[in-house]
Amino acid sequence: MELGIGMFGDNHYDQQGRPMDSGERLRELIEEIKLMDEVGLDFFGIGEHHRPDYAVSVPEIVLAAAATVTKKIKLGSAVTVLSSSDPVRIYQSFATIDQLSSGRAEITAGRGSFIESFPVYGYDLKNYNELFEEKLDLLVKINNENPITWKGKLRASLDNQEVLPRAVNDKLKIWVAVGGTPESVVRAGKLGLPVIFAIIGGNPAQFQPLFNYYQEVYKQYKHVPEAFEVGVHMHCFFGEDSKKTADEYYPVYSDQLNRIGRSRGWQQYSRGQYDYGRGTNGHLIIGDANEAIDKILEMRELFGLTRFSAHMDVGGPSHASLMKSIEIFGTKIAPKVREAL
């Protein structure tokens, strides 16, 4: 099972509740990715957002910078909002990162839980589902064929067109991010693409039917069993002392959920919800190394995972605390998980 980290580049906030300079957060991110590589984590993913509370709107630029300071870690998006992007440009950008990094780039494509990119790039939300389906089809075809001939409804056609540069081995790994919809599972299963499920609420066991459904669809379309891959993305934060870590991280975490919640009509996030999430049946892995090891192994057993992604910067915790959390993950948690497997 691969062990790695996903981030969204959450901005830090000042005492007046205003987001601070994104440049500082971007420079910190590069240091954090460098440390992930040094402690032996398998992959890093960075998200795409178009809001003041996030520093990263173009994951490819961050990943290109990271490619120059790392040696082994895989570098990908988490996620690329494919519906409001051009698949040709996305392939070219990630193929360029792949060349820079000697074959370490990958894409995680998703519809996006935030919709700010649609008006920014001039797309109509009424085409939300159709845009993703058509563009994923095009991205997969570009990945498999060159030159390419393709025709769709919402993008200009391609006629025997070369798409360059190509990835190091001519193909990029493309994951599909799924929040919890059966339609997304079917789409990925038909195409034989690996899926990463975002488990960011409730009891993880509730996702079991979706995992089973994905496996059934994958088998139904007769894809190679040995190529089957599935992962989870869960909110995590690690420290030396469980209670101290949880207590210090709670205000950072809850502030971010409440910022998002105000735009979505959510109820105020409570300490009770946080503590339940950290419990046996919860979706949060926030505490010390031993707790994290147990819960990650439980997720592995429950879902048959080939990848576990710790989403570690929700709310923009301090750079120092993130570096410590990364260090604990790489030096204390990951070795024990690998040993157990």
C-alpha atoms as a PDB file:
ATOM      1  CA  MET A   1       0.000   0.000   0.000  1.00  0.00           C
ATOM      2  CA  GLU A   2       1.327   3.422  -0.955  1.00  0.00           C
ATOM      3  CA  LEU A   3       1.387   6.025   1.805  1.00  0.00           C
ATOM      4  CA  GLY A   4       1.379   9.715   1.006  1.00  0.00           C
ATOM      5  CA  ILE A   5      -0.016  13.152   1.658  1.00  0.00           C
ATOM      6  CA  GLY A   6      -2.611  15.333  -0.019  1.00  0.00           C
ATOM      7  CA  MET A   7      -2.895  19.075   0.588  1.00  0.00           C
ATOM      8  CA  PHE A   8      -5.031  21.945  -0.671  1.00  0.00           C
ATOM      9  CA  GLY A   9      -2.584  24.701   0.227  1.00  0.00           C
ATOM     10  CA  ASP A  10      -4.889  26.176   2.880  1.00  0.00           C
ATOM     11  CA  ASN A  11      -3.833  29.737   3.652  1.00  0.00           C
ATOM     12  CA  HIS A  12      -2.810  30.919   7.110  1.00  0.00           C
ATOM     13  CA  TYR A  13      -5.042  33.554   8.729  1.00  0.00           C
ATOM     14  CA  ASP A  14      -4.165  36.661  10.728  1.00  0.00           C
ATOM     15  CA  GLN A  15      -5.756  37.645  14.047  1.00  0.00           C
ATOM     16  CA  GLN A  16      -8.482  39.572  12.214  1.00  0.00           C
ATOM     17  CA  GLY A  17      -9.516  36.426  10.327  1.00  0.00           C
ATOM     18  CA  ARG A  18      -8.065  37.513   6.994  1.00  0.00           C
ATOM     19  CA  PRO A  19      -6.071  35.171   4.730  1.00  0.00           C
ATOM     20  CA  MET A  20      -2.373  35.982   4.671  1.00  0.00           C
ATOM     21  CA  ASP A  21      -0.059  36.307   1.674  1.00  0.00           C
ATOM     22  CA  SER A  22      -0.301  33.199  -0.504  1.00  0.00           C
ATOM     23  CA  GLY A  23       3.351  33.488  -1.508  1.00  0.00           C
ATOM     24  CA  GLU A  24       4.473  32.519   1.980  1.00  0.00           C
ATOM     25  CA  ARG A  25       2.233  29.455   1.962  1.00  0.00           C
ATOM     26  CA  LEU A  26       3.511  28.404  -1.485  1.00  0.00           C
ATOM     27  CA  ARG A  27       7.140  28.600  -0.373  1.00  0.00           C
ATOM     28  CA  GLU A  28       6.298  26.576   2.724  1.00  0.00           C
ATOM     29  CA  LEU A  29       4.620  23.941   0.536  1.00  0.00           C
ATOM     30  CA  ILE A  30       7.824  23.336  -1.402  1.00  0.00           C
ATOM     31  CA  GLU A  31       9.738  22.810   1.861  1.00  0.00           C
ATOM     32  CA  GLU A  32       7.049  20.420   3.069  1.00  0.00           C
ATOM     33  CA  ILE A  33       7.097  18.361  -0.143  1.00  0.00           C
ATOM     34  CA  LYS A  34      10.889  18.198   0.044  1.00  0.00           C
ATOM     35  CA  LEU A  35      10.612  16.768   3.569  1.00  0.00           C
ATOM     36  CA  MET A  36       8.015  14.210   2.408  1.00  0.00           C
ATOM     37  CA  ASP A  37      10.527  12.979  -0.151  1.00  0.00           C
ATOM     38  CA  GLU A  38      13.338  12.857   2.412  1.00  0.00           C
ATOM     39  CA  VAL A  39      11.326  10.776   4.922  1.00  0.00           C
ATOM     40  CA  GLY A  40      10.371   8.265   2.223  1.00  0.00           C
ATOM     41  CA  LEU A  41       6.669   8.894   1.597  1.00  0.00           C
ATOM     42  CA  ASP A  42       5.360   7.501  -1.677  1.00  0.00           C
ATOM     43  CA  PHE A  43       3.346  10.356  -3.165  1.00  0.00           C
ATOM     44  CA  PHE A  44       2.142  13.931  -2.793  1.00  0.00           C
ATOM     45  CA  GLY A  45      -1.033  15.476  -4.214  1.00  0.00           C
ATOM     46  CA  ILE A  46      -2.059  19.143  -4.320  1.00  0.00           C
ATOM     47  CA  GLY A  47      -5.586  20.424  -4.899  1.00  0.00           C
ATOM     48  CA  GLU A  48      -7.021  23.104  -7.189  1.00  0.00           C
ATOM     49  CA  HIS A  49      -9.186  25.865  -5.704  1.00  0.00           C
ATOM     50  CA  HIS A  50     -10.196  29.380  -6.674  1.00  0.00           C
ATOM     51  CA  ARG A  51     -11.029  30.886  -3.275  1.00  0.00           C
ATOM     52  CA  PRO A  52      -9.192  33.239  -0.878  1.00  0.00           C
ATOM     53  CA  ASP A  53      -8.777  30.503   1.749  1.00  0.00           C
ATOM     54  CA  TYR A  54      -6.546  28.428  -0.563  1.00  0.00           C
ATOM     55  CA  ALA A  55      -3.168  29.366  -2.053  1.00  0.00           C
ATOM     56  CA  VAL A  56      -3.173  26.993  -5.044  1.00  0.00           C
ATOM     57  CA  SER A  57      -5.284  27.478  -8.160  1.00  0.00           C
ATOM     58  CA  VAL A  58      -2.825  25.864 -10.595  1.00  0.00           C
ATOM     59  CA  PRO A  59      -1.443  22.602  -9.136  1.00  0.00           C
ATOM     60  CA  GLU A  60       0.868  22.053 -12.096  1.00  0.00           C
ATOM     61  CA  ILE A  61       3.078  25.020 -11.178  1.00  0.00           C
ATOM     62  CA  VAL A  62       3.538  23.827  -7.597  1.00  0.00           C
ATOM     63  CA  LEU A  63       4.318  20.307  -8.814  1.00  0.00           C
ATOM     64  CA  ALA A  64       6.825  21.563 -11.378  1.00  0.00           C
ATOM     65  CA  ALA A  65       8.623  23.472  -8.621  1.00  0.00           C
ATOM     66  CA  ALA A  66       8.509  20.397  -6.374  1.00  0.00           C
ATOM     67  CA  ALA A  67       9.972  18.233  -9.136  1.00  0.00           C
ATOM     68  CA  THR A  68      13.216  20.218  -8.937  1.00  0.00           C
ATOM     69  CA  VAL A  69      13.759  19.648  -5.186  1.00  0.00           C
ATOM     70  CA  THR A  70      12.654  15.993  -4.870  1.00  0.00           C
ATOM     71  CA  LYS A  71      14.073  12.685  -6.088  1.00  0.00           C
ATOM     72  CA  LYS A  72      11.649   9.803  -5.562  1.00  0.00           C
ATOM     73  CA  ILE A  73       8.186  10.940  -4.453  1.00  0.00           C
ATOM     74  CA  LYS A  74       5.325  10.771  -6.971  1.00  0.00           C
ATOM     75  CA  LEU A  75       3.783  14.180  -7.709  1.00  0.00           C
ATOM     76  CA  GLY A  76       0.138  14.650  -8.654  1.00  0.00           C
ATOM     77  CA  SER A  77      -2.999  16.707  -8.330  1.00  0.00           C
ATOM     78  CA  ALA A  78      -5.625  16.225  -5.640  1.00  0.00           C
ATOM     79  CA  VAL A  79      -7.694  17.062  -7.611  1.00  0.00           C
ATOM     80  CA  THR A  80      -7.593  18.635 -11.058  1.00  0.00           C
ATOM     81  CA  VAL A  81     -11.075  20.052 -11.686  1.00  0.00           C
ATOM     82  CA  LEU A  82     -11.290  18.500 -15.117  1.00  0.00           C
ATOM     83  CA  SER A  83     -14.780  19.815 -15.916  1.00  0.00           C
ATOM     84  CA  SER A  84     -13.494  23.403 -16.146  1.00  0.00           C
ATOM     85  CA  SER A  85     -10.101  22.558 -17.661  1.00  0.00           C
ATOM     86  CA  ASP A  86      -8.930  21.640 -21.139  1.00  0.00           C
ATOM     87  CA  PRO A  87      -7.791  17.993 -21.242  1.00  0.00           C
ATOM     88  CA  VAL A  88      -5.194  18.707 -23.931  1.00  0.00           C
ATOM     89  CA  ARG A  89      -3.547  21.383 -21.804  1.00  0.00           C
ATOM     90  CA  ILE A  90      -3.826  19.211 -18.678  1.00  0.00           C
ATOM     91  CA  TYR A  91      -2.074  16.316 -20.398  1.00  0.00           C
ATOM     92  CA  GLN A  92       0.656  18.607 -21.741  1.00  0.00           C
ATOM     93  CA  SER A  93       1.225  20.210 -18.324  1.00  0.00           C
ATOM     94  CA  PHE A  94       1.502  16.910 -16.472  1.00  0.00           C
ATOM     95  CA  ALA A  95       3.599  15.327 -19.218  1.00  0.00           C
ATOM     96  CA  THR A  96       5.984  18.260 -18.777  1.00  0.00           C
ATOM     97  CA  ILE A  97       6.127  17.602 -15.013  1.00  0.00           C
ATOM     98  CA  ASP A  98       6.683  13.925 -15.814  1.00  0.00           C
ATOM     99  CA  GLN A  99       9.665  14.828 -17.982  1.00  0.00           C
ATOM    100  CA  LEU A 100      11.057  17.209 -15.336  1.00  0.00           C
ATOM    101  CA  SER A 101      10.710  14.582 -12.600  1.00  0.00           C
ATOM    102  CA  SER A 102      11.908  11.574 -14.636  1.00  0.00           C
ATOM    103  CA  GLY A 103       8.513   9.865 -14.664  1.00  0.00           C
ATOM    104  CA  ARG A 104       6.983  10.779 -11.285  1.00  0.00           C
ATOM    105  CA  ALA A 105       3.866  12.729 -12.367  1.00  0.00           C
ATOM    106  CA  GLU A 106       0.254  11.592 -12.153  1.00  0.00           C
ATOM    107  CA  ILE A 107      -3.206  13.158 -12.398  1.00  0.00           C
ATOM    108  CA  THR A 108      -6.188  12.822 -10.104  1.00  0.00           C
ATOM    109  CA  ALA A 109      -9.230  14.069 -12.002  1.00  0.00           C
ATOM    110  CA  GLY A 110     -12.464  15.080 -10.319  1.00  0.00           C
ATOM    111  CA  ARG A 111     -15.613  17.084 -10.819  1.00  0.00           C
ATOM    112  CA  GLY A 112     -14.686  19.301  -7.883  1.00  0.00           C
ATOM    113  CA  SER A 113     -16.679  19.926  -4.717  1.00  0.00           C
ATOM    114  CA  PHE A 114     -16.201  23.680  -5.202  1.00  0.00           C
ATOM    115  CA  ILE A 115     -17.667  25.402  -8.246  1.00  0.00           C
ATOM    116  CA  GLU A 116     -15.686  28.682  -8.375  1.00  0.00           C
ATOM    117  CA  SER A 117     -13.640  27.492 -11.363  1.00  0.00           C
ATOM    118  CA  PHE A 118     -16.703  27.318 -13.624  1.00  0.00           C
ATOM    119  CA  PRO A 119     -17.447  31.066 -13.874  1.00  0.00           C
ATOM    120  CA  VAL A 120     -13.703  31.867 -13.765  1.00  0.00           C
ATOM    121  CA  TYR A 121     -13.088  29.825 -16.912  1.00  0.00           C
ATOM    122  CA  GLY A 122     -16.425  30.523 -18.573  1.00  0.00           C
ATOM    123  CA  TYR A 123     -18.255  27.212 -18.144  1.00  0.00           C
ATOM    124  CA  ASP A 124     -21.952  26.729 -17.477  1.00  0.00           C
ATOM    125  CA  LEU A 125     -22.834  24.801 -14.317  1.00  0.00           C
ATOM    126  CA  LYS A 126     -25.828  23.231 -16.036  1.00  0.00           C
ATOM    127  CA  ASN A 127     -23.269  21.093 -17.894  1.00  0.00           C
ATOM    128  CA  TYR A 128     -21.549  20.021 -14.642  1.00  0.00           C
ATOM    129  CA  ASN A 129     -21.853  16.261 -15.182  1.00  0.00           C
ATOM    130  CA  GLU A 130     -21.647  16.210 -18.958  1.00  0.00           C
ATOM    131  CA  LEU A 131     -18.475  18.319 -18.969  1.00  0.00           C
ATOM    132  CA  PHE A 132     -16.661  15.903 -16.683  1.00  0.00           C
ATOM    133  CA  GLU A 133     -17.743  12.789 -18.554  1.00  0.00           C
ATOM    134  CA  GLU A 134     -16.744  14.169 -21.944  1.00  0.00           C
ATOM    135  CA  LYS A 135     -13.445  15.633 -20.772  1.00  0.00           C
ATOM    136  CA  LEU A 136     -12.425  12.500 -18.900  1.00  0.00           C
ATOM    137  CA  ASP A 137     -13.072  10.532 -22.086  1.00  0.00           C
ATOM    138  CA  LEU A 138     -10.839  12.931 -24.016  1.00  0.00           C
ATOM    139  CA  LEU A 139      -8.066  12.893 -21.402  1.00  0.00           C
ATOM    140  CA  VAL A 140      -7.987   9.088 -21.380  1.00  0.00           C
ATOM    141  CA  LYS A 141      -7.892   9.005 -25.180  1.00  0.00           C
ATOM    142  CA  ILE A 142      -5.001  11.499 -25.296  1.00  0.00           C
ATOM    143  CA  ASN A 143      -3.184   9.336 -22.751  1.00  0.00           C
ATOM    144  CA  ASN A 144      -3.671   6.212 -24.883  1.00  0.00           C
ATOM    145  CA  GLU A 145      -3.306   7.562 -28.432  1.00  0.00           C
ATOM    146  CA  ASN A 146      -1.074   9.954 -30.347  1.00  0.00           C
ATOM    147  CA  PRO A 147      -1.991  11.415 -32.762  1.00  0.00           C
ATOM    148  CA  ILE A 148      -5.622  11.661 -31.728  1.00  0.00           C
ATOM    149  CA  THR A 149      -8.934  12.026 -33.534  1.00  0.00           C
ATOM    150  CA  TRP A 150     -11.850  12.884 -31.258  1.00  0.00           C
ATOM    151  CA  LYS A 151     -15.274  14.508 -31.393  1.00  0.00           C
ATOM    152  CA  GLY A 152     -17.475  15.699 -28.531  1.00  0.00           C
ATOM    153  CA  LYS A 153     -20.328  18.135 -27.874  1.00  0.00           C
ATOM    154  CA  LEU A 154     -18.769  20.708 -25.545  1.00  0.00           C
ATOM    155  CA  ARG A 155     -15.253  21.081 -26.949  1.00  0.00           C
ATOM    156  CA  ALA A 156     -13.803  21.560 -30.427  1.00  0.00           C
ATOM    157  CA  SER A 157     -12.985  18.339 -32.245  1.00  0.00           C
ATOM    158  CA  LEU A 158      -9.472  17.018 -32.856  1.00  0.00           C
ATOM    159  CA  ASP A 159      -8.487  15.575 -36.228  1.00  0.00           C
ATOM    160  CA  ASN A 160      -5.284  13.511 -36.344  1.00  0.00           C
ATOM    161  CA  GLN A 161      -3.729  15.950 -33.880  1.00  0.00           C
ATOM    162  CA  GLU A 162      -0.442  15.324 -32.089  1.00  0.00           C
ATOM    163  CA  VAL A 163      -0.441  16.219 -28.381  1.00  0.00           C
ATOM    164  CA  LEU A 164       3.072  17.003 -27.147  1.00  0.00           C
ATOM    165  CA  PRO A 165       5.142  16.559 -25.084  1.00  0.00           C
ATOM    166  CA  ARG A 166       4.437  12.958 -24.166  1.00  0.00           C
ATOM    167  CA  ALA A 167       4.924  11.472 -20.720  1.00  0.00           C
ATOM    168  CA  VAL A 168       8.180   9.618 -20.020  1.00  0.00           C
ATOM    169  CA  ASN A 169       6.640   6.216 -20.768  1.00  0.00           C
ATOM    170  CA  ASP A 170       4.054   7.777 -23.118  1.00  0.00           C
ATOM    171  CA  LYS A 171       1.307   7.383 -20.488  1.00  0.00           C
ATOM    172  CA  LEU A 172       0.430   9.099 -17.232  1.00  0.00           C
ATOM    173  CA  LYS A 173      -1.337   7.395 -14.359  1.00  0.00           C
ATOM    174  CA  ILE A 174      -4.814   8.922 -14.118  1.00  0.00           C
ATOM    175  CA  TRP A 175      -6.833   8.510 -10.920  1.00  0.00           C
ATOM    176  CA  VAL A 176     -10.494   9.473 -10.499  1.00  0.00           C
ATOM    177  CA  ALA A 177     -11.540  11.168  -7.267  1.00  0.00           C
ATOM    178  CA  VAL A 178     -14.942  10.132  -5.918  1.00  0.00           C
ATOM    179  CA  GLY A 179     -16.881  11.843  -3.160  1.00  0.00           C
ATOM    180  CA  GLY A 180     -19.658   9.299  -2.837  1.00  0.00           C
ATOM    181  CA  THR A 181     -21.707   9.074  -6.039  1.00  0.00           C
ATOM    182  CA  PRO A 182     -22.327   5.697  -7.736  1.00  0.00           C
ATOM    183  CA  GLU A 183     -22.194   7.382 -11.162  1.00  0.00           C
ATOM    184  CA  SER A 184     -18.561   8.345 -10.614  1.00  0.00           C
ATOM    185  CA  VAL A 185     -17.748   4.795  -9.546  1.00  0.00           C
ATOM    186  CA  VAL A 186     -19.334   3.378 -12.714  1.00  0.00           C
ATOM    187  CA  ARG A 187     -17.479   5.864 -14.917  1.00  0.00           C
ATOM    188  CA  ALA A 188     -14.085   4.951 -13.435  1.00  0.00           C
ATOM    189  CA  GLY A 189     -14.844   1.231 -13.433  1.00  0.00           C
ATOM    190  CA  LYS A 190     -15.789   1.237 -17.113  1.00  0.00           C
ATOM    191  CA  LEU A 191     -12.537   2.972 -18.040  1.00  0.00           C
ATOM    192  CA  GLY A 192     -10.443   0.804 -15.732  1.00  0.00           C
ATOM    193  CA  LEU A 193      -9.066   3.835 -13.879  1.00  0.00           C
ATOM    194  CA  PRO A 194      -7.980   3.693 -10.228  1.00  0.00           C
ATOM    195  CA  VAL A 195     -10.284   5.463  -7.767  1.00  0.00           C
ATOM    196  CA  ILE A 196      -9.542   7.444  -4.637  1.00  0.00           C
ATOM    197  CA  PHE A 197     -12.486   7.964  -2.299  1.00  0.00           C
ATOM    198  CA  ALA A 198     -12.646  11.142  -0.209  1.00  0.00           C
ATOM    199  CA  ILE A 199     -13.819  10.004   3.225  1.00  0.00           C
ATOM    200  CA  ILE A 200     -14.240  13.348   4.960  1.00  0.00           C
ATOM    201  CA  GLY A 201     -17.346  12.708   7.036  1.00  0.00           C
ATOM    202  CA  GLY A 202     -19.361  10.030   8.802  1.00  0.00           C
ATOM    203  CA  ASN A 203     -18.360   6.438   9.469  1.00  0.00           C
ATOM    204  CA  PRO A 204     -15.856   5.088   6.890  1.00  0.00           C
ATOM    205  CA  ALA A 205     -17.664   1.730   6.919  1.00  0.00           C
ATOM    206  CA  GLN A 206     -20.583   3.459   5.160  1.00  0.00           C
ATOM    207  CA  PHE A 207     -18.380   3.631   2.042  1.00  0.00           C
ATOM    208  CA  GLN A 208     -18.028  -0.147   1.834  1.00  0.00           C
ATOM    209  CA  PRO A 209     -20.874  -0.601  -0.708  1.00  0.00           C
ATOM    210  CA  LEU A 210     -19.213   1.928  -3.043  1.00  0.00           C
ATOM    211  CA  PHE A 211     -15.887   0.115  -2.852  1.00  0.00           C
ATOM    212  CA  ASN A 212     -17.642  -3.189  -3.623  1.00  0.00           C
ATOM    213  CA  TYR A 213     -19.578  -1.595  -6.470  1.00  0.00           C
ATOM    214  CA  TYR A 214     -16.402  -0.211  -8.035  1.00  0.00           C
ATOM    215  CA  GLN A 215     -14.749  -3.633  -7.860  1.00  0.00           C
ATOM    216  CA  GLU A 216     -17.794  -5.255  -9.491  1.00  0.00           C
ATOM    217  CA  VAL A 217     -17.861  -2.760 -12.365  1.00  0.00           C
ATOM    218  CA  TYR A 218     -14.093  -3.081 -12.859  1.00  0.00           C
ATOM    219  CA  LYS A 219     -14.437  -6.878 -13.136  1.00  0.00           C
ATOM    220  CA  GLN A 220     -17.514  -6.604 -15.329  1.00  0.00           C
ATOM    221  CA  TYR A 221     -15.541  -4.677 -17.953  1.00  0.00           C
ATOM    222  CA  LYS A 222     -12.771  -7.309 -17.807  1.00  0.00           C
ATOM    223  CA  HIS A 223      -9.903  -5.028 -16.858  1.00  0.00           C
ATOM    224  CA  VAL A 224      -6.632  -6.621 -15.745  1.00  0.00           C
ATOM    225  CA  PRO A 225      -7.070  -7.738 -12.098  1.00  0.00           C
ATOM    226  CA  GLU A 226      -3.415  -7.049 -11.304  1.00  0.00           C
ATOM    227  CA  ALA A 227      -3.904  -3.395 -12.286  1.00  0.00           C
ATOM    228  CA  PHE A 228      -6.757  -2.846  -9.799  1.00  0.00           C
ATOM    229  CA  GLU A 229      -6.017   0.091  -7.465  1.00  0.00           C
ATOM    230  CA  VAL A 230      -8.143   1.893  -4.912  1.00  0.00           C
ATOM    231  CA  GLY A 231      -7.352   4.506  -2.298  1.00  0.00           C
ATOM    232  CA  VAL A 232      -8.797   6.769   0.374  1.00  0.00           C
ATOM    233  CA  HIS A 233      -8.193  10.400   1.226  1.00  0.00           C
ATOM    234  CA  MET A 234      -8.841  11.268   4.894  1.00  0.00           C
ATOM    235  CA  HIS A 235      -8.252  14.295   7.110  1.00  0.00           C
ATOM    236  CA  CYS A 236      -5.191  13.653   9.295  1.00  0.00           C
ATOM    237  CA  PHE A 237      -2.805  15.435  11.623  1.00  0.00           C
ATOM    238  CA  PHE A 238      -0.087  13.879  13.763  1.00  0.00           C
ATOM    239  CA  GLY A 239       1.794  14.862  16.902  1.00  0.00           C
ATOM    240  CA  GLU A 240       3.749  13.350  19.787  1.00  0.00           C
ATOM    241  CA  ASP A 241       0.890  13.592  22.302  1.00  0.00           C
ATOM    242  CA  SER A 242      -2.618  12.643  21.173  1.00  0.00           C
ATOM    243  CA  LYS A 243      -4.696  14.950  23.374  1.00  0.00           C
ATOM    244  CA  LYS A 244      -2.355  17.922  22.982  1.00  0.00           C
ATOM    245  CA  THR A 245      -2.323  17.489  19.209  1.00  0.00           C
ATOM    246  CA  ALA A 246      -6.119  17.246  19.037  1.00  0.00           C
ATOM    247  CA  ASP A 247      -6.652  20.236  21.338  1.00  0.00           C
ATOM    248  CA  GLU A 248      -4.238  22.477  19.438  1.00  0.00           C
ATOM    249  CA  TYR A 249      -5.518  21.477  16.007  1.00  0.00           C
ATOM    250  CA  TYR A 250      -9.243  21.752  16.773  1.00  0.00           C
ATOM    251  CA  PRO A 251      -9.567  25.577  16.450  1.00  0.00           C
ATOM    252  CA  VAL A 252      -7.595  25.551  13.178  1.00  0.00           C
ATOM    253  CA  TYR A 253      -9.672  22.711  11.736  1.00  0.00           C
ATOM    254  CA  SER A 254     -13.055  23.978  12.920  1.00  0.00           C
ATOM    255  CA  ASP A 255     -12.402  27.530  11.679  1.00  0.00           C
ATOM    256  CA  GLN A 256     -11.875  26.240   8.148  1.00  0.00           C
ATOM    257  CA  LEU A 257     -14.971  24.025   8.208  1.00  0.00           C
ATOM    258  CA  ASN A 258     -17.010  26.967   9.439  1.00  0.00           C
ATOM    259  CA  ARG A 259     -15.603  29.277   6.741  1.00  0.00           C
ATOM    260  CA  ILE A 260     -16.676  26.792   4.088  1.00  0.00           C
ATOM    261  CA  GLY A 261     -19.907  26.063   5.921  1.00  0.00           C
ATOM    262  CA  ARG A 262     -21.015  29.695   5.889  1.00  0.00           C
ATOM    263  CA  SER A 263     -21.101  29.626   2.094  1.00  0.00           C
ATOM    264  CA  ARG A 264     -22.957  26.314   2.056  1.00  0.00           C
ATOM    265  CA  GLY A 265     -25.464  26.734   4.856  1.00  0.00           C
ATOM    266  CA  TRP A 266     -23.867  24.209   7.206  1.00  0.00           C
ATOM    267  CA  GLN A 267     -24.424  24.254  10.943  1.00  0.00           C
ATOM    268  CA  GLN A 268     -21.569  25.436  13.156  1.00  0.00           C
ATOM    269  CA  TYR A 269     -18.935  22.703  13.522  1.00  0.00           C
ATOM    270  CA  SER A 270     -18.703  21.526  17.133  1.00  0.00           C
ATOM    271  CA  ARG A 271     -16.075  19.961  19.377  1.00  0.00           C
ATOM    272  CA  GLY A 272     -18.445  17.016  19.795  1.00  0.00           C
ATOM    273  CA  GLN A 273     -18.370  16.345  16.048  1.00  0.00           C
ATOM    274  CA  TYR A 274     -14.578  16.593  16.082  1.00  0.00           C
ATOM    275  CA  ASP A 275     -14.190  14.173  18.981  1.00  0.00           C
ATOM    276  CA  TYR A 276     -16.613  11.705  17.390  1.00  0.00           C
ATOM    277  CA  GLY A 277     -14.666  11.928  14.129  1.00  0.00           C
ATOM    278  CA  ARG A 278     -11.480  11.032  15.996  1.00  0.00           C
ATOM    279  CA  GLY A 279     -13.165   8.026  17.596  1.00  0.00           C
ATOM    280  CA  THR A 280     -13.271   4.400  16.555  1.00  0.00           C
ATOM    281  CA  ASN A 281     -16.025   4.862  13.960  1.00  0.00           C
ATOM    282  CA  GLY A 282     -14.999   8.318  12.783  1.00  0.00           C
ATOM    283  CA  HIS A 283     -13.354   9.700   9.671  1.00  0.00           C
ATOM    284  CA  LEU A 284     -10.552  11.721  11.320  1.00  0.00           C
ATOM    285  CA  ILE A 285      -7.037  10.446  12.054  1.00  0.00           C
ATOM    286  CA  ILE A 286      -5.797  13.147  14.397  1.00  0.00           C
ATOM    287  CA  GLY A 287      -3.507  12.199  17.264  1.00  0.00           C
ATOM    288  CA  ASP A 288      -0.308  10.264  17.906  1.00  0.00           C
ATOM    289  CA  ALA A 289       1.524   7.707  15.797  1.00  0.00           C
ATOM    290  CA  ASN A 290       0.055   4.614  17.450  1.00  0.00           C
ATOM    291  CA  GLU A 291      -3.532   5.778  16.883  1.00  0.00           C
ATOM    292  CA  ALA A 292      -2.734   6.568  13.262  1.00  0.00           C
ATOM    293  CA  ILE A 293      -1.086   3.202  12.627  1.00  0.00           C
ATOM    294  CA  ASP A 294      -4.107   1.333  13.997  1.00  0.00           C
ATOM    295  CA  LYS A 295      -6.639   3.354  12.014  1.00  0.00           C
ATOM    296  CA  ILE A 296      -4.716   3.231   8.727  1.00  0.00           C
ATOM    297  CA  LEU A 297      -4.377  -0.540   9.026  1.00  0.00           C
ATOM    298  CA  GLU A 298      -8.095  -0.759   9.795  1.00  0.00           C
ATOM    299  CA  MET A 299      -8.863   1.178   6.579  1.00  0.00           C
ATOM    300  CA  ARG A 300      -6.546  -1.169   4.672  1.00  0.00           C
ATOM    301  CA  GLU A 301      -8.364  -4.217   5.998  1.00  0.00           C
ATOM    302  CA  LEU A 302     -11.816  -2.719   5.484  1.00  0.00           C
ATOM    303  CA  PHE A 303     -11.344  -1.596   1.873  1.00  0.00           C
ATOM    304  CA  GLY A 304      -8.369  -3.560   0.492  1.00  0.00           C
ATOM    305  CA  LEU A 305      -6.518  -0.311  -0.165  1.00  0.00           C
ATOM    306  CA  THR A 306      -3.527   0.100  -2.443  1.00  0.00           C
ATOM    307  CA  ARG A 307      -3.120   3.793  -1.460  1.00  0.00           C
ATOM    308  CA  PHE A 308      -3.707   5.884   1.660  1.00  0.00           C
ATOM    309  CA  SER A 309      -3.619   9.688   1.396  1.00  0.00           C
ATOM    310  CA  ALA A 310      -3.409  11.810   4.553  1.00  0.00           C
ATOM    311  CA  HIS A 311      -4.961  15.234   3.912  1.00  0.00           C
ATOM    312  CA  MET A 312      -2.861  17.226   6.324  1.00  0.00           C
ATOM    313  CA  ASP A 313      -3.252  21.007   5.956  1.00  0.00           C
ATOM    314  CA  VAL A 314      -6.969  21.655   6.567  1.00  0.00           C
ATOM    315  CA  GLY A 315      -7.312  25.169   7.997  1.00  0.00           C
ATOM    316  CA  GLY A 316      -3.702  26.191   7.380  1.00  0.00           C
ATOM    317  CA  PRO A 317      -1.896  24.953  10.511  1.00  0.00           C
ATOM    318  CA  SER A 318       1.536  26.444  11.137  1.00  0.00           C
ATOM    319  CA  HIS A 319       4.417  25.413   8.921  1.00  0.00           C
ATOM    320  CA  ALA A 320       6.348  24.138  11.953  1.00  0.00           C
ATOM    321  CA  SER A 321       3.478  21.886  13.054  1.00  0.00           C
ATOM    322  CA  LEU A 322       3.000  20.582   9.497  1.00  0.00           C
ATOM    323  CA  MET A 323       6.690  19.750   9.217  1.00  0.00           C
ATOM    324  CA  LYS A 324       6.447  17.839  12.504  1.00  0.00           C
ATOM    325  CA  SER A 325       3.331  15.989  11.337  1.00  0.00           C
ATOM    326  CA  ILE A 326       5.058  15.027   8.069  1.00  0.00           C
ATOM    327  CA  GLU A 327       8.125  13.834   9.953  1.00  0.00           C
ATOM    328  CA  ILE A 328       6.023  11.640  12.263  1.00  0.00           C
ATOM    329  CA  PHE A 329       4.125  10.187   9.310  1.00  0.00           C
ATOM    330  CA  GLY A 330       7.294   9.349   7.411  1.00  0.00           C
ATOM    331  CA  THR A 331       9.506   8.120  10.263  1.00  0.00           C
ATOM    332  CA  LYS A 332       7.106   6.597  12.809  1.00  0.00           C
ATOM    333  CA  ILE A 333       3.798   5.757  11.122  1.00  0.00           C
ATOM    334  CA  ALA A 334       4.733   4.650   7.597  1.00  0.00           C
ATOM    335  CA  PRO A 335       7.470   2.180   8.648  1.00  0.00           C
ATOM    336  CA  LYS A 336       5.134   0.456  11.134  1.00  0.00           C
ATOM    337  CA  VAL A 337       2.285   0.264   8.607  1.00  0.00           C
ATOM    338  CA  ARG A 338       4.616  -1.207   5.981  1.00  0.00           C
ATOM    339  CA  GLU A 339       6.003  -3.687   8.492  1.00  0.00           C
ATOM    340  CA  ALA A 340       2.491  -4.819   9.412  1.00  0.00           C
ATOM    341  CA  LEU A 341       1.622  -5.347   5.747  1.00  0.00           C
END
